[in-house]
Protein backbone atom coordinates (compact mmCIF):
# COMPACT_ATOMS: atom_id res chain seq x y z
CA MET A 1 2.40 16.52 -4.56
CA ASP A 2 -0.52 17.96 -6.53
CA GLN A 3 -0.14 18.35 -10.16
CA VAL A 4 3.33 16.69 -10.69
CA VAL A 5 3.91 15.09 -14.39
CA ILE A 6 6.10 12.22 -14.43
CA ARG A 7 7.17 12.56 -18.07
CA PRO A 8 8.81 9.06 -20.23
CA GLY A 9 11.88 7.93 -19.03
CA GLU A 10 11.59 9.79 -15.56
CA THR A 11 11.82 8.36 -11.91
CA PHE A 12 9.01 9.69 -9.18
CA SER A 13 10.73 10.14 -5.55
CA PHE A 14 8.44 10.90 -2.93
CA TRP A 15 11.07 12.10 -0.47
CA GLN A 16 12.97 13.85 -3.39
CA LEU A 17 9.63 16.18 -3.61
CA VAL A 18 8.72 16.14 0.36
CA GLY A 19 12.00 16.50 2.03
CA ARG A 20 12.40 15.98 5.82
CA CYS A 21 9.14 16.41 7.99
CA THR A 22 9.34 19.21 10.75
CA PRO A 23 6.80 21.16 12.87
CA ALA A 24 8.56 24.46 11.26
CA LYS A 25 6.81 23.14 7.62
CA GLY A 26 3.69 22.45 9.33
CA TYR A 27 4.01 18.70 9.86
CA ARG A 28 2.29 17.14 13.07
CA VAL A 29 2.85 14.44 15.51
CA GLY A 30 1.03 11.20 14.09
CA LEU A 31 1.63 7.51 13.95
CA THR A 32 4.81 5.81 13.41
CA ILE A 33 5.95 2.27 13.07
CA ASN A 34 9.49 2.10 14.41
CA ASN A 35 10.97 -1.52 15.46
CA GLY A 36 7.81 -3.59 14.41
CA ARG A 37 6.03 -1.33 17.08
CA ALA A 38 3.63 1.32 16.95
CA GLU A 39 4.66 4.88 18.32
CA SER A 40 4.24 8.57 17.22
CA GLY A 41 6.10 10.96 15.60
CA VAL A 42 6.28 13.92 13.80
CA GLY A 43 5.03 13.48 10.15
CA GLY A 44 3.68 10.21 11.28
CA GLY A 45 0.81 8.64 9.30
CA LEU A 46 2.53 10.13 5.91
CA CYS A 47 2.14 6.70 4.76
CA GLN A 48 -1.37 7.19 4.05
CA PHE A 49 -0.83 9.47 1.48
CA THR A 50 1.79 7.32 -0.19
CA ASN A 51 -0.91 4.62 0.37
CA LEU A 52 -2.90 6.62 -2.06
CA LEU A 53 -0.48 7.14 -4.88
CA HIS A 54 0.61 3.38 -4.41
CA TRP A 55 -2.87 2.22 -5.24
CA MET A 56 -2.94 4.26 -8.08
CA VAL A 57 0.09 3.15 -9.55
CA LEU A 58 -1.13 0.01 -8.96
CA HIS A 59 -3.59 0.78 -11.84
CA SER A 60 -1.31 1.86 -14.23
CA GLU A 61 1.66 0.95 -16.67
CA LEU A 62 4.01 2.78 -14.10
CA THR A 63 7.01 0.96 -13.26
CA ILE A 64 7.63 0.46 -9.08
CA VAL A 65 10.90 0.74 -8.56
CA GLU A 66 11.13 1.05 -4.59
CA HIS A 67 8.30 0.21 -2.32
CA HIS A 68 7.80 -0.99 1.24
CA HIS A 69 5.42 -2.06 3.29
CA HIS A 70 4.01 -2.19 6.69
CA GLY A 71 3.87 -6.18 6.10
CA GLU A 72 4.70 -7.14 9.92
CA LEU A 73 1.91 -5.56 11.67
CA ASP A 74 -1.55 -5.32 11.15
CA LEU A 75 -2.96 -2.18 13.15
CA PHE A 76 -6.52 -1.88 12.00
CA PRO A 77 -9.84 -3.91 11.99
CA ASP A 78 -11.25 -4.33 8.90
CA PHE A 79 -14.04 -2.01 9.86
CA ASN A 80 -14.63 0.04 6.53
CA ARG A 81 -11.78 -1.44 4.59
CA GLN A 82 -11.86 -0.56 1.21
CA ILE A 83 -8.57 -2.19 -0.27
CA PRO A 84 -6.93 -5.44 0.62
CA PHE A 85 -5.07 -5.54 3.75
CA GLY A 86 -1.50 -5.25 3.17
CA THR A 87 -1.70 -3.20 -0.30
CA GLY A 88 -0.18 0.05 1.52
CA THR A 89 3.44 1.75 2.05
CA SER A 90 6.07 2.35 4.70
CA ILE A 91 8.26 5.52 4.21
CA VAL A 92 10.96 6.78 6.34
CA TYR A 93 12.50 10.22 5.18
CA ASN A 94 16.12 9.41 4.08
CA TYR A 95 15.99 5.51 4.12
CA LEU A 96 12.61 4.39 3.01
CA ASP A 97 11.24 5.86 -0.24
CA TYR A 98 8.75 5.56 -2.56
CA ARG A 99 9.69 5.62 -6.37
CA VAL A 100 8.11 5.03 -9.51
CA ARG A 101 9.47 5.05 -12.69
CA ASN A 102 7.91 5.95 -16.04
CA ASP A 103 9.00 3.04 -18.89
CA THR A 104 6.07 4.53 -21.55
CA ASP A 105 5.80 6.98 -23.90
CA GLN A 106 3.37 9.44 -22.52
CA SER A 107 3.38 11.14 -19.47
CA PHE A 108 0.91 10.78 -16.36
CA GLN A 109 -0.08 13.22 -13.79
CA PHE A 110 -0.73 13.19 -10.00
CA LEU A 111 -3.73 14.98 -8.68
CA VAL A 112 -4.75 15.02 -5.35
CA HIS A 113 -6.81 17.21 -2.71
CA THR A 114 -8.49 16.54 0.64
CA THR A 115 -11.64 16.74 2.30
CA GLU A 116 -12.71 17.23 5.62
CA GLU A 117 -12.99 13.16 6.03
CA HIS A 118 -10.77 11.75 2.79
CA LEU A 119 -7.94 12.25 1.11
CA CYS A 120 -8.76 12.15 -2.93
CA GLY A 121 -6.59 11.26 -5.56
CA GLU A 122 -6.65 10.82 -9.61
CA LEU A 123 -3.81 9.52 -11.93
CA ARG A 124 -4.15 11.37 -15.44
CA ALA A 125 -2.52 9.98 -18.85
CA GLU A 126 -2.23 11.63 -21.98
CA ARG A 127 -3.91 8.47 -23.33
CA PRO A 128 -6.23 6.00 -22.54
CA SER A 129 -4.70 2.42 -21.54
CA SER A 130 -5.69 -0.11 -23.52
CA SER A 131 -5.66 -2.83 -20.49
CA LYS A 132 -7.45 -2.48 -16.97
CA PHE A 133 -5.87 -3.87 -13.65
CA HIS A 134 -7.41 -5.44 -11.00
CA ILE A 135 -6.13 -6.07 -7.51
CA ARG A 136 -7.12 -8.85 -5.23
CA GLU A 137 -6.73 -10.75 -2.23
CA GLU A 138 -6.20 -14.43 -2.08
CA ASP A 139 -5.26 -17.08 0.46
CA ALA A 140 -6.62 -14.66 3.45
CA TYR A 141 -6.94 -15.93 6.78
CA PHE A 142 -5.76 -15.30 10.76
CA GLN A 143 -3.72 -17.73 12.26
CA GLU A 144 -3.28 -18.33 16.00
CA ALA A 145 0.34 -18.97 17.09
CA GLY A 146 0.50 -19.10 20.66
CA SER A 147 -0.73 -16.40 22.31
CA GLN A 148 -0.35 -14.10 19.18
CA VAL A 149 -2.61 -13.81 15.99
CA TYR A 150 -1.35 -13.49 12.41
CA ARG A 151 -2.66 -12.32 9.42
CA HIS A 152 -2.12 -13.99 6.13
CA ASN A 153 -2.97 -12.81 2.70
CA ARG A 154 -1.26 -12.52 -0.93
CA ILE A 155 -2.25 -9.43 -2.89
CA ILE A 156 -2.49 -10.71 -6.90
CA ARG A 157 -2.28 -8.21 -9.88
CA LEU A 158 -4.38 -9.14 -12.74
CA THR A 159 -4.24 -7.22 -16.19
CA ARG A 160 -7.03 -7.56 -18.36
CA ASP A 161 -7.43 -6.54 -22.04
CA LYS A 162 -10.32 -3.82 -22.43
CA ARG A 163 -11.06 -4.63 -25.77
CA THR A 164 -11.58 -8.63 -25.16
CA GLY A 165 -12.11 -8.73 -21.49
CA ASN A 166 -9.47 -11.76 -21.20
CA ILE A 167 -6.87 -11.82 -18.34
CA ILE A 168 -3.36 -11.31 -20.59
CA ASP A 169 -1.23 -11.08 -17.09
CA SER A 170 -1.57 -12.24 -13.56
CA LYS A 171 1.16 -11.46 -10.62
CA GLU A 172 1.46 -11.70 -7.10
CA ILE A 173 2.46 -8.55 -5.56
CA LEU A 174 3.26 -9.83 -2.41
CA GLU A 175 2.64 -12.04 0.23
CA ASN A 176 1.64 -10.55 4.32
CA TYR A 177 2.24 -12.54 7.30
CA ALA A 178 1.61 -10.14 10.02
CA LEU A 179 1.11 -9.72 13.82
CA VAL A 180 -2.69 -8.25 14.62
CA ASN A 181 -1.99 -5.47 16.93
CA TYR A 182 -5.79 -5.62 18.34
CA ASP A 183 -7.93 -7.08 20.11
CA ARG A 184 -8.52 -10.15 18.23
CA ALA A 185 -12.26 -9.74 19.23
CA LEU A 186 -12.74 -7.19 16.54
CA ILE A 187 -11.36 -10.08 13.88
CA THR A 188 -14.85 -10.90 11.96
CA SER A 189 -14.02 -14.02 10.39
CA ASP A 190 -12.38 -17.46 12.24
CA ILE A 191 -8.98 -17.93 13.38
CA ARG A 192 -7.38 -20.76 12.31
CA PRO A 193 -4.83 -22.78 14.82
CA ASP A 194 -1.35 -22.92 14.17
CA GLU A 195 -0.72 -26.16 12.21
CA ARG A 196 2.84 -26.41 12.65
CA ALA A 197 2.55 -26.15 16.55
CA ALA A 198 -0.35 -29.13 16.17
CA VAL A 199 2.34 -31.33 14.08
CA GLU A 200 5.37 -30.30 16.60
CA SER A 201 2.99 -31.45 19.80
């Protein structure tokens, strides 16, 4: 993936480059999600890599043409969370891909590397962009529904003109309503009651 170039008119496909994950190719067992449940499998955790690619692409003029995410599950509490919940990706070989098209007139390039702790990346372009992109969450809360707790938020992308600082576009990327899969004692904010259940009772 390192130094991959996406030229004007080209579509980047994660699985087309990576192919099937097998032990023979060096992949290990990691966390996977299957039928709405956390499990393990060879190549598990690889979505962390497409999470990084996706986060960089969201801050560029590239066009996302295929994206899936773990919108049904909240797997980890917010300890050291750096980006809004729900901005990740979900990939399954030969079924759920991450694809990006370059509709601009210049080439883009992914640069990625690892440290002992982190997966690091850059997205480079031939020329500086005239716009700056910001990703934020709105309407974020936890909600109790019976014996379960769900997490809700909306992910918004703002586009600003670098010269004026004015917002020139605001777009809701997605809305999340995910089942919390960890101890509710680790939730750092208040949990709302289920208003719908209150009305019905």
